[in-house]
């Protein structure tokens, strides 16, 4: 089964970006070279602060939505705890 990753990046301006990917290393490289999400263009370099593996794209999308609804403080707590 192909795994998906849900991740949170911290941008150089201190903002947080949440996304999903199948190959997280390639996706982070895309964010850093300006071919990732529109939001992260001009906000690089980005660094990974949180990731979790899930078993399907639909689960990843639902989890991404849940994380995006969190406050910044809750996202940072999530990243710190790793859970």
N, C-alpha and C. Protein backbone atom coordinates (compact mmCIF):
# COMPACT_ATOMS: atom_id res chain seq x y z
N UNK A 1 0.83 -1.18 0.00
CA UNK A 1 0.00 0.00 0.00
C UNK A 1 0.88 1.25 0.00
N UNK A 2 0.59 2.19 -0.88
CA UNK A 2 1.36 3.42 -0.95
C UNK A 2 0.99 4.31 0.23
N UNK A 3 2.00 4.80 0.89
CA UNK A 3 1.75 5.68 2.01
C UNK A 3 1.76 7.13 1.55
N UNK A 4 0.97 7.91 2.21
CA UNK A 4 0.93 9.35 2.02
C UNK A 4 1.43 10.00 3.30
N UNK A 5 1.97 11.19 3.17
CA UNK A 5 2.41 11.94 4.33
C UNK A 5 1.61 13.23 4.42
N UNK A 6 1.23 13.55 5.64
CA UNK A 6 0.66 14.86 5.95
C UNK A 6 1.78 15.60 6.67
N UNK A 7 2.02 16.85 6.29
CA UNK A 7 3.18 17.53 6.85
C UNK A 7 2.89 18.99 7.15
N UNK A 8 3.69 19.53 8.05
CA UNK A 8 3.67 20.96 8.35
C UNK A 8 5.07 21.48 8.11
N UNK A 9 5.16 22.56 7.36
CA UNK A 9 6.43 23.23 7.11
C UNK A 9 6.44 24.58 7.80
N UNK A 10 7.60 24.98 8.26
CA UNK A 10 7.77 26.35 8.74
C UNK A 10 8.53 27.11 7.66
N UNK A 11 7.93 28.19 7.22
CA UNK A 11 8.55 29.02 6.18
C UNK A 11 9.55 29.98 6.82
N UNK A 12 10.41 30.57 6.00
CA UNK A 12 11.44 31.48 6.50
C UNK A 12 10.83 32.68 7.21
N UNK A 13 9.61 33.06 6.84
CA UNK A 13 8.95 34.20 7.50
C UNK A 13 8.25 33.80 8.79
N UNK A 14 8.38 32.53 9.19
CA UNK A 14 7.79 32.04 10.43
C UNK A 14 6.38 31.50 10.28
N UNK A 15 5.79 31.64 9.10
CA UNK A 15 4.45 31.11 8.89
C UNK A 15 4.50 29.59 8.73
N UNK A 16 3.34 28.95 8.89
CA UNK A 16 3.25 27.50 8.79
C UNK A 16 2.42 27.13 7.56
N UNK A 17 2.83 26.07 6.89
CA UNK A 17 2.12 25.56 5.73
C UNK A 17 1.86 24.07 5.94
N UNK A 18 0.64 23.63 5.68
CA UNK A 18 0.28 22.22 5.82
C UNK A 18 -0.07 21.65 4.46
N UNK A 19 0.42 20.44 4.17
CA UNK A 19 0.14 19.81 2.90
C UNK A 19 0.22 18.29 2.99
N UNK A 20 0.02 17.65 1.83
CA UNK A 20 0.14 16.20 1.74
C UNK A 20 1.07 15.86 0.60
N UNK A 21 1.67 14.68 0.66
CA UNK A 21 2.58 14.25 -0.41
C UNK A 21 2.75 12.74 -0.37
N UNK A 22 3.14 12.19 -1.49
CA UNK A 22 3.53 10.78 -1.54
C UNK A 22 5.02 10.64 -1.29
N UNK A 23 5.80 11.57 -1.82
CA UNK A 23 7.24 11.56 -1.62
C UNK A 23 7.60 12.89 -0.96
N UNK A 24 7.75 12.88 0.33
CA UNK A 24 7.93 14.11 1.08
C UNK A 24 9.24 14.82 0.74
N UNK A 25 10.31 14.08 0.54
CA UNK A 25 11.59 14.72 0.20
C UNK A 25 11.47 15.50 -1.11
N UNK A 26 10.84 14.91 -2.11
CA UNK A 26 10.66 15.61 -3.40
C UNK A 26 9.76 16.82 -3.23
N UNK A 27 8.72 16.69 -2.43
CA UNK A 27 7.78 17.80 -2.23
C UNK A 27 8.45 18.97 -1.52
N UNK A 28 9.26 18.69 -0.50
CA UNK A 28 9.96 19.77 0.20
C UNK A 28 10.95 20.44 -0.75
N UNK A 29 11.64 19.65 -1.57
CA UNK A 29 12.56 20.23 -2.56
C UNK A 29 11.80 21.15 -3.51
N UNK A 30 10.60 20.74 -3.93
CA UNK A 30 9.78 21.57 -4.82
C UNK A 30 9.40 22.88 -4.12
N UNK A 31 9.03 22.80 -2.85
CA UNK A 31 8.71 24.03 -2.11
C UNK A 31 9.93 24.95 -2.05
N UNK A 32 11.09 24.37 -1.82
CA UNK A 32 12.30 25.18 -1.68
C UNK A 32 12.81 25.75 -2.99
N UNK A 33 12.50 25.10 -4.11
CA UNK A 33 12.99 25.65 -5.38
C UNK A 33 11.93 26.48 -6.11
N UNK A 34 10.80 26.72 -5.43
CA UNK A 34 9.79 27.62 -5.99
C UNK A 34 8.75 26.97 -6.87
N UNK A 35 8.76 25.63 -6.97
CA UNK A 35 7.78 24.95 -7.82
C UNK A 35 6.74 24.20 -6.98
N UNK A 36 6.75 24.44 -5.69
CA UNK A 36 5.76 23.83 -4.80
C UNK A 36 4.50 24.68 -4.79
N UNK A 37 3.85 24.73 -3.67
CA UNK A 37 2.61 25.49 -3.54
C UNK A 37 2.85 26.99 -3.72
N UNK A 38 1.84 27.65 -4.24
CA UNK A 38 1.92 29.09 -4.44
C UNK A 38 2.24 29.81 -3.13
N UNK A 39 1.67 29.32 -2.03
CA UNK A 39 1.88 29.95 -0.73
C UNK A 39 3.36 29.99 -0.34
N UNK A 40 4.09 28.93 -0.62
CA UNK A 40 5.48 28.86 -0.15
C UNK A 40 6.46 29.57 -1.08
N UNK A 41 6.02 29.95 -2.27
CA UNK A 41 6.92 30.68 -3.17
C UNK A 41 7.25 32.02 -2.56
N UNK A 42 8.53 32.33 -2.48
CA UNK A 42 8.96 33.58 -1.88
C UNK A 42 9.01 33.55 -0.36
N UNK A 43 8.65 32.41 0.23
CA UNK A 43 8.71 32.29 1.68
C UNK A 43 9.77 31.26 2.10
N UNK A 44 10.59 30.82 1.18
CA UNK A 44 11.58 29.80 1.46
C UNK A 44 12.83 30.40 2.04
N UNK A 45 13.71 29.57 2.53
CA UNK A 45 13.55 28.13 2.54
C UNK A 45 12.55 27.68 3.62
N UNK A 46 12.00 26.51 3.37
CA UNK A 46 11.07 25.92 4.33
C UNK A 46 11.76 24.78 5.05
N UNK A 47 11.27 24.50 6.26
CA UNK A 47 11.81 23.35 6.98
C UNK A 47 10.65 22.53 7.52
N UNK A 48 10.84 21.23 7.52
CA UNK A 48 9.83 20.31 8.00
C UNK A 48 9.78 20.36 9.53
N UNK A 49 8.57 20.57 10.08
CA UNK A 49 8.44 20.58 11.54
C UNK A 49 7.54 19.45 12.02
N UNK A 50 6.77 18.83 11.11
CA UNK A 50 5.88 17.74 11.51
C UNK A 50 5.53 16.90 10.30
N UNK A 51 5.43 15.59 10.52
CA UNK A 51 4.94 14.70 9.48
C UNK A 51 4.27 13.50 10.11
N UNK A 52 3.26 12.99 9.43
CA UNK A 52 2.66 11.73 9.84
C UNK A 52 2.31 10.95 8.59
N UNK A 53 2.44 9.64 8.70
CA UNK A 53 2.14 8.75 7.58
C UNK A 53 0.72 8.24 7.70
N UNK A 54 0.03 8.20 6.56
CA UNK A 54 -1.32 7.64 6.50
C UNK A 54 -1.38 6.71 5.30
N UNK A 55 -2.41 5.88 5.25
CA UNK A 55 -2.44 4.81 4.25
C UNK A 55 -3.14 5.16 2.95
N UNK A 56 -3.86 6.29 2.91
CA UNK A 56 -4.55 6.62 1.66
C UNK A 56 -4.62 8.13 1.46
N UNK A 57 -4.86 8.51 0.22
CA UNK A 57 -4.98 9.93 -0.12
C UNK A 57 -6.18 10.54 0.58
N UNK A 58 -7.29 9.82 0.65
CA UNK A 58 -8.49 10.38 1.28
C UNK A 58 -8.26 10.64 2.76
N UNK A 59 -7.58 9.74 3.43
CA UNK A 59 -7.27 9.96 4.85
C UNK A 59 -6.33 11.16 4.98
N UNK A 60 -5.35 11.25 4.09
CA UNK A 60 -4.41 12.38 4.12
C UNK A 60 -5.13 13.70 3.93
N UNK A 61 -6.06 13.76 2.99
CA UNK A 61 -6.81 15.00 2.75
C UNK A 61 -7.66 15.39 3.95
N UNK A 62 -8.31 14.42 4.56
CA UNK A 62 -9.12 14.72 5.74
C UNK A 62 -8.25 15.21 6.90
N UNK A 63 -7.10 14.58 7.08
CA UNK A 63 -6.19 14.99 8.16
C UNK A 63 -5.63 16.39 7.88
N UNK A 64 -5.30 16.67 6.62
CA UNK A 64 -4.81 17.99 6.24
C UNK A 64 -5.84 19.07 6.60
N UNK A 65 -7.09 18.82 6.27
CA UNK A 65 -8.15 19.77 6.58
C UNK A 65 -8.26 19.99 8.09
N UNK A 66 -8.19 18.89 8.84
CA UNK A 66 -8.26 18.99 10.30
C UNK A 66 -7.13 19.84 10.85
N UNK A 67 -5.92 19.60 10.36
CA UNK A 67 -4.76 20.37 10.84
C UNK A 67 -4.87 21.83 10.44
N UNK A 68 -5.33 22.09 9.23
CA UNK A 68 -5.44 23.48 8.77
C UNK A 68 -6.43 24.28 9.61
N UNK A 69 -7.38 23.62 10.23
CA UNK A 69 -8.36 24.31 11.09
C UNK A 69 -7.81 24.64 12.47
N UNK A 70 -6.66 24.04 12.83
CA UNK A 70 -6.06 24.30 14.13
C UNK A 70 -5.49 25.71 14.19
N UNK A 71 -5.39 26.24 15.40
CA UNK A 71 -4.72 27.51 15.58
C UNK A 71 -3.21 27.30 15.39
N UNK A 72 -2.50 28.39 15.21
CA UNK A 72 -1.04 28.31 15.08
C UNK A 72 -0.44 27.64 16.31
N UNK A 73 -0.91 28.03 17.49
CA UNK A 73 -0.39 27.46 18.73
C UNK A 73 -0.63 25.95 18.77
N UNK A 74 -1.81 25.52 18.35
CA UNK A 74 -2.11 24.08 18.34
C UNK A 74 -1.25 23.35 17.31
N UNK A 75 -0.99 23.96 16.17
CA UNK A 75 -0.11 23.34 15.17
C UNK A 75 1.31 23.20 15.72
N UNK A 76 1.78 24.21 16.42
CA UNK A 76 3.12 24.14 17.00
C UNK A 76 3.18 23.08 18.10
N UNK A 77 2.12 22.96 18.90
CA UNK A 77 2.07 21.91 19.92
C UNK A 77 2.10 20.53 19.26
N UNK A 78 1.35 20.38 18.17
CA UNK A 78 1.33 19.13 17.43
C UNK A 78 2.73 18.79 16.93
N UNK A 79 3.40 19.77 16.36
CA UNK A 79 4.75 19.57 15.85
C UNK A 79 5.72 19.21 16.97
N UNK A 80 5.56 19.86 18.10
CA UNK A 80 6.44 19.62 19.24
C UNK A 80 6.24 18.23 19.83
N UNK A 81 4.99 17.81 19.92
CA UNK A 81 4.69 16.51 20.51
C UNK A 81 4.92 15.37 19.54
N UNK A 82 4.81 15.66 18.24
CA UNK A 82 4.99 14.63 17.24
C UNK A 82 3.83 13.66 17.15
N UNK A 83 2.70 14.00 17.74
CA UNK A 83 1.54 13.10 17.72
C UNK A 83 0.42 13.70 16.94
